[in-house]
């Protein structure tokens, strides 16, 4: 599965999290997104479907607090948001 892009919201929140968290957060997040592309059903991602305002989206866990929200498109996935459970849901 290929990453088609990100929303402005994802880019803004990811940059903010990278500044406020430990330096290895960016590396960990990038590795989880790479794993999503190779094996979306890997147990460490804790992949699950969610419904947001009638739209279907999916979520993976970066760590126990941070989630990445994404949607499937025809040719890949688009990263929609990143943040805590309350921020992305």
N, C-alpha and C. Protein backbone atom coordinates (compact mmCIF):
# COMPACT_ATOMS: atom_id res chain seq x y z
N UNK A 1 0.85 -1.16 0.00
CA UNK A 1 0.00 0.00 0.00
C UNK A 1 0.90 1.24 0.00
N UNK A 2 0.58 2.16 -0.81
CA UNK A 2 1.41 3.35 -0.97
C UNK A 2 0.75 4.57 -0.32
N UNK A 3 1.58 5.45 0.24
CA UNK A 3 1.09 6.69 0.81
C UNK A 3 0.92 7.70 -0.33
N UNK A 4 -0.30 8.14 -0.55
CA UNK A 4 -0.58 9.09 -1.63
C UNK A 4 -0.31 10.52 -1.20
N UNK A 5 -0.41 10.78 0.09
CA UNK A 5 -0.19 12.13 0.58
C UNK A 5 -0.71 12.31 1.98
N UNK A 6 -0.68 13.56 2.42
CA UNK A 6 -1.17 13.90 3.74
C UNK A 6 -2.05 15.14 3.63
N UNK A 7 -2.90 15.32 4.61
CA UNK A 7 -3.68 16.55 4.66
C UNK A 7 -2.84 17.62 5.36
N UNK A 8 -3.26 18.86 5.22
CA UNK A 8 -2.59 19.97 5.90
C UNK A 8 -2.67 19.77 7.41
N UNK A 9 -3.78 19.24 7.88
CA UNK A 9 -3.95 18.99 9.32
C UNK A 9 -2.91 18.00 9.82
N UNK A 10 -2.71 16.91 9.06
CA UNK A 10 -1.71 15.92 9.47
C UNK A 10 -0.32 16.56 9.53
N UNK A 11 0.05 17.28 8.49
CA UNK A 11 1.38 17.90 8.43
C UNK A 11 1.60 18.86 9.61
N UNK A 12 0.61 19.67 9.90
CA UNK A 12 0.71 20.64 10.99
C UNK A 12 0.85 19.94 12.34
N UNK A 13 -0.01 18.96 12.59
CA UNK A 13 0.02 18.25 13.87
C UNK A 13 1.27 17.40 14.03
N UNK A 14 1.76 16.81 12.94
CA UNK A 14 2.97 16.00 13.00
C UNK A 14 4.16 16.88 13.35
N UNK A 15 4.27 18.03 12.71
CA UNK A 15 5.37 18.96 13.01
C UNK A 15 5.31 19.41 14.47
N UNK A 16 4.12 19.69 14.95
CA UNK A 16 3.94 20.13 16.34
C UNK A 16 4.36 19.02 17.31
N UNK A 17 3.95 17.79 17.02
CA UNK A 17 4.32 16.66 17.89
C UNK A 17 5.82 16.41 17.88
N UNK A 18 6.44 16.54 16.72
CA UNK A 18 7.88 16.31 16.62
C UNK A 18 8.66 17.32 17.45
N UNK A 19 8.15 18.54 17.55
CA UNK A 19 8.82 19.57 18.35
C UNK A 19 8.62 19.35 19.85
N UNK A 20 7.44 18.85 20.23
CA UNK A 20 7.11 18.75 21.65
C UNK A 20 7.49 17.42 22.29
N UNK A 21 7.77 16.40 21.50
CA UNK A 21 8.10 15.09 22.04
C UNK A 21 9.58 14.80 21.86
N UNK A 22 10.02 13.67 22.37
CA UNK A 22 11.43 13.31 22.25
C UNK A 22 11.83 13.15 20.79
N UNK A 23 13.12 13.29 20.53
CA UNK A 23 13.61 13.31 19.16
C UNK A 23 13.29 12.04 18.38
N UNK A 24 13.27 10.91 19.05
CA UNK A 24 13.03 9.67 18.32
C UNK A 24 11.55 9.46 17.93
N UNK A 25 10.67 10.35 18.37
CA UNK A 25 9.26 10.24 18.01
C UNK A 25 9.07 10.24 16.49
N UNK A 26 9.78 11.13 15.79
CA UNK A 26 9.66 11.20 14.33
C UNK A 26 10.08 9.89 13.69
N UNK A 27 11.17 9.31 14.15
CA UNK A 27 11.67 8.05 13.60
C UNK A 27 10.68 6.93 13.86
N UNK A 28 10.16 6.86 15.08
CA UNK A 28 9.18 5.83 15.43
C UNK A 28 7.94 5.95 14.56
N UNK A 29 7.45 7.16 14.37
CA UNK A 29 6.26 7.39 13.56
C UNK A 29 6.51 6.99 12.11
N UNK A 30 7.64 7.37 11.56
CA UNK A 30 7.96 7.00 10.18
C UNK A 30 8.06 5.49 10.02
N UNK A 31 8.63 4.79 11.00
CA UNK A 31 8.72 3.33 10.93
C UNK A 31 7.33 2.68 10.98
N UNK A 32 6.45 3.22 11.82
CA UNK A 32 5.09 2.68 11.89
C UNK A 32 4.34 2.90 10.57
N UNK A 33 4.54 4.05 9.95
CA UNK A 33 3.89 4.32 8.67
C UNK A 33 4.46 3.42 7.58
N UNK A 34 5.76 3.15 7.61
CA UNK A 34 6.36 2.20 6.67
C UNK A 34 5.77 0.81 6.88
N UNK A 35 5.61 0.41 8.14
CA UNK A 35 5.02 -0.89 8.45
C UNK A 35 3.58 -0.95 7.95
N UNK A 36 2.85 0.12 8.07
CA UNK A 36 1.49 0.19 7.55
C UNK A 36 1.47 -0.10 6.05
N UNK A 37 2.45 0.41 5.33
CA UNK A 37 2.52 0.19 3.89
C UNK A 37 2.83 -1.27 3.55
N UNK A 38 3.67 -1.90 4.35
CA UNK A 38 4.11 -3.27 4.08
C UNK A 38 3.12 -4.31 4.62
N UNK A 39 2.68 -4.11 5.85
CA UNK A 39 1.81 -5.08 6.52
C UNK A 39 0.79 -4.36 7.39
N UNK A 40 -0.31 -3.87 6.78
CA UNK A 40 -1.30 -3.10 7.55
C UNK A 40 -1.92 -3.87 8.71
N UNK A 41 -1.88 -5.17 8.67
CA UNK A 41 -2.49 -5.96 9.73
C UNK A 41 -1.51 -6.37 10.83
N UNK A 42 -0.31 -5.81 10.82
CA UNK A 42 0.67 -6.14 11.86
C UNK A 42 0.09 -5.77 13.23
N UNK A 43 0.25 -6.66 14.18
CA UNK A 43 -0.36 -6.48 15.51
C UNK A 43 0.06 -5.19 16.20
N UNK A 44 1.30 -4.75 16.01
CA UNK A 44 1.78 -3.56 16.73
C UNK A 44 1.08 -2.28 16.27
N UNK A 45 0.45 -2.31 15.10
CA UNK A 45 -0.26 -1.12 14.60
C UNK A 45 -1.63 -0.94 15.25
N UNK A 46 -2.20 -2.04 15.71
CA UNK A 46 -3.55 -2.02 16.30
C UNK A 46 -4.55 -1.32 15.37
N UNK A 47 -4.52 -1.72 14.12
CA UNK A 47 -5.38 -1.17 13.07
C UNK A 47 -6.85 -1.40 13.40
N UNK A 48 -7.65 -0.36 13.27
CA UNK A 48 -9.09 -0.52 13.43
C UNK A 48 -9.85 0.54 12.64
N UNK A 49 -11.05 0.17 12.23
CA UNK A 49 -11.91 1.05 11.45
C UNK A 49 -12.73 1.92 12.38
N UNK A 50 -12.93 3.18 11.96
CA UNK A 50 -13.77 4.09 12.73
C UNK A 50 -14.69 4.83 11.77
N UNK A 51 -15.78 5.31 12.28
CA UNK A 51 -16.71 6.12 11.49
C UNK A 51 -16.69 7.55 12.03
N UNK A 52 -16.36 8.46 11.16
CA UNK A 52 -16.34 9.87 11.52
C UNK A 52 -17.36 10.62 10.67
N UNK A 53 -18.42 11.07 11.30
CA UNK A 53 -19.44 11.84 10.59
C UNK A 53 -19.91 11.13 9.32
N UNK A 54 -20.10 9.83 9.42
CA UNK A 54 -20.58 9.05 8.29
C UNK A 54 -19.50 8.60 7.32
N UNK A 55 -18.29 9.09 7.48
CA UNK A 55 -17.20 8.67 6.61
C UNK A 55 -16.43 7.53 7.26
N UNK A 56 -15.88 6.66 6.42
CA UNK A 56 -15.11 5.54 6.92
C UNK A 56 -13.63 5.90 6.94
N UNK A 57 -13.00 5.74 8.08
CA UNK A 57 -11.58 6.01 8.22
C UNK A 57 -10.96 4.88 9.03
N UNK A 58 -9.66 4.87 9.09
CA UNK A 58 -8.92 3.84 9.81
C UNK A 58 -7.91 4.51 10.73
N UNK A 59 -7.52 3.79 11.76
CA UNK A 59 -6.58 4.32 12.73
C UNK A 59 -5.52 3.28 13.05
N UNK A 60 -4.28 3.76 13.26
CA UNK A 60 -3.21 2.92 13.79
C UNK A 60 -2.63 3.63 15.01
N UNK A 61 -1.98 2.87 15.85
CA UNK A 61 -1.34 3.43 17.04
C UNK A 61 0.15 3.60 16.81
N UNK A 62 0.65 4.76 17.15
CA UNK A 62 2.09 5.00 17.12
C UNK A 62 2.68 4.54 18.45
N UNK A 63 2.05 4.94 19.54
CA UNK A 63 2.39 4.47 20.88
C UNK A 63 1.08 4.40 21.66
N UNK A 64 1.17 4.33 22.96
CA UNK A 64 -0.06 4.19 23.74
C UNK A 64 -0.92 5.45 23.74
N UNK A 65 -0.36 6.60 23.33
CA UNK A 65 -1.13 7.83 23.33
C UNK A 65 -1.45 8.38 21.95
N UNK A 66 -0.57 8.18 21.00
CA UNK A 66 -0.69 8.84 19.69
C UNK A 66 -1.26 7.90 18.64
N UNK A 67 -2.22 8.43 17.86
CA UNK A 67 -2.87 7.69 16.79
C UNK A 67 -2.67 8.42 15.46
N UNK A 68 -2.68 7.65 14.38
CA UNK A 68 -2.69 8.22 13.03
C UNK A 68 -4.00 7.80 12.39
N UNK A 69 -4.71 8.77 11.89
CA UNK A 69 -5.98 8.54 11.20
C UNK A 69 -5.73 8.63 9.70
N UNK A 70 -6.26 7.68 8.94
CA UNK A 70 -6.06 7.69 7.49
C UNK A 70 -7.29 7.14 6.78
N UNK A 71 -7.35 7.39 5.49
CA UNK A 71 -8.42 6.85 4.64
C UNK A 71 -7.79 6.11 3.47
N UNK A 72 -8.49 5.08 3.05
CA UNK A 72 -8.08 4.34 1.86
C UNK A 72 -8.62 5.05 0.63
N UNK A 73 -7.79 5.21 -0.35
CA UNK A 73 -8.17 5.71 -1.66
C UNK A 73 -7.94 4.59 -2.66
N UNK A 74 -8.28 4.81 -3.90
CA UNK A 74 -8.17 3.77 -4.93
C UNK A 74 -6.74 3.22 -5.05
N UNK A 75 -5.75 4.10 -5.05
CA UNK A 75 -4.37 3.68 -5.30
C UNK A 75 -3.49 3.67 -4.06
N UNK A 76 -4.03 3.91 -2.88
CA UNK A 76 -3.21 3.95 -1.68
C UNK A 76 -3.96 4.55 -0.52
N UNK A 77 -3.22 5.19 0.37
CA UNK A 77 -3.84 5.79 1.54
C UNK A 77 -3.41 7.25 1.69
N UNK A 78 -4.28 8.02 2.36
CA UNK A 78 -4.00 9.42 2.65
C UNK A 78 -4.01 9.57 4.18
N UNK A 79 -2.92 10.11 4.72
CA UNK A 79 -2.83 10.36 6.15
C UNK A 79 -3.61 11.63 6.47
N UNK A 80 -4.61 11.51 7.33
CA UNK A 80 -5.55 12.59 7.59
C UNK A 80 -5.19 13.39 8.84
N UNK A 81 -4.81 12.70 9.93
CA UNK A 81 -4.55 13.40 11.18
C UNK A 81 -3.65 12.55 12.06
N UNK A 82 -3.00 13.20 13.01
CA UNK A 82 -2.18 12.52 14.01
C UNK A 82 -2.34 13.27 15.32
N UNK A 83 -2.44 12.52 16.40
CA UNK A 83 -2.59 13.14 17.72
C UNK A 83 -3.09 12.13 18.73
N UNK A 84 -3.50 12.62 19.87
CA UNK A 84 -4.04 11.74 20.90
C UNK A 84 -5.41 11.24 20.45
N UNK A 85 -5.92 10.26 21.18
CA UNK A 85 -7.22 9.69 20.87
C UNK A 85 -8.28 10.78 20.78
N UNK A 86 -8.34 11.64 21.77
CA UNK A 86 -9.36 12.71 21.79
C UNK A 86 -9.17 13.72 20.66
N UNK A 87 -7.95 13.96 20.24
CA UNK A 87 -7.69 14.93 19.18
C UNK A 87 -8.08 14.41 17.79
N UNK A 88 -7.89 13.13 17.53
CA UNK A 88 -8.17 12.63 16.19
C UNK A 88 -9.55 12.03 16.02
N UNK A 89 -10.19 11.63 17.11
CA UNK A 89 -11.52 11.07 17.01
C UNK A 89 -12.52 12.15 17.29
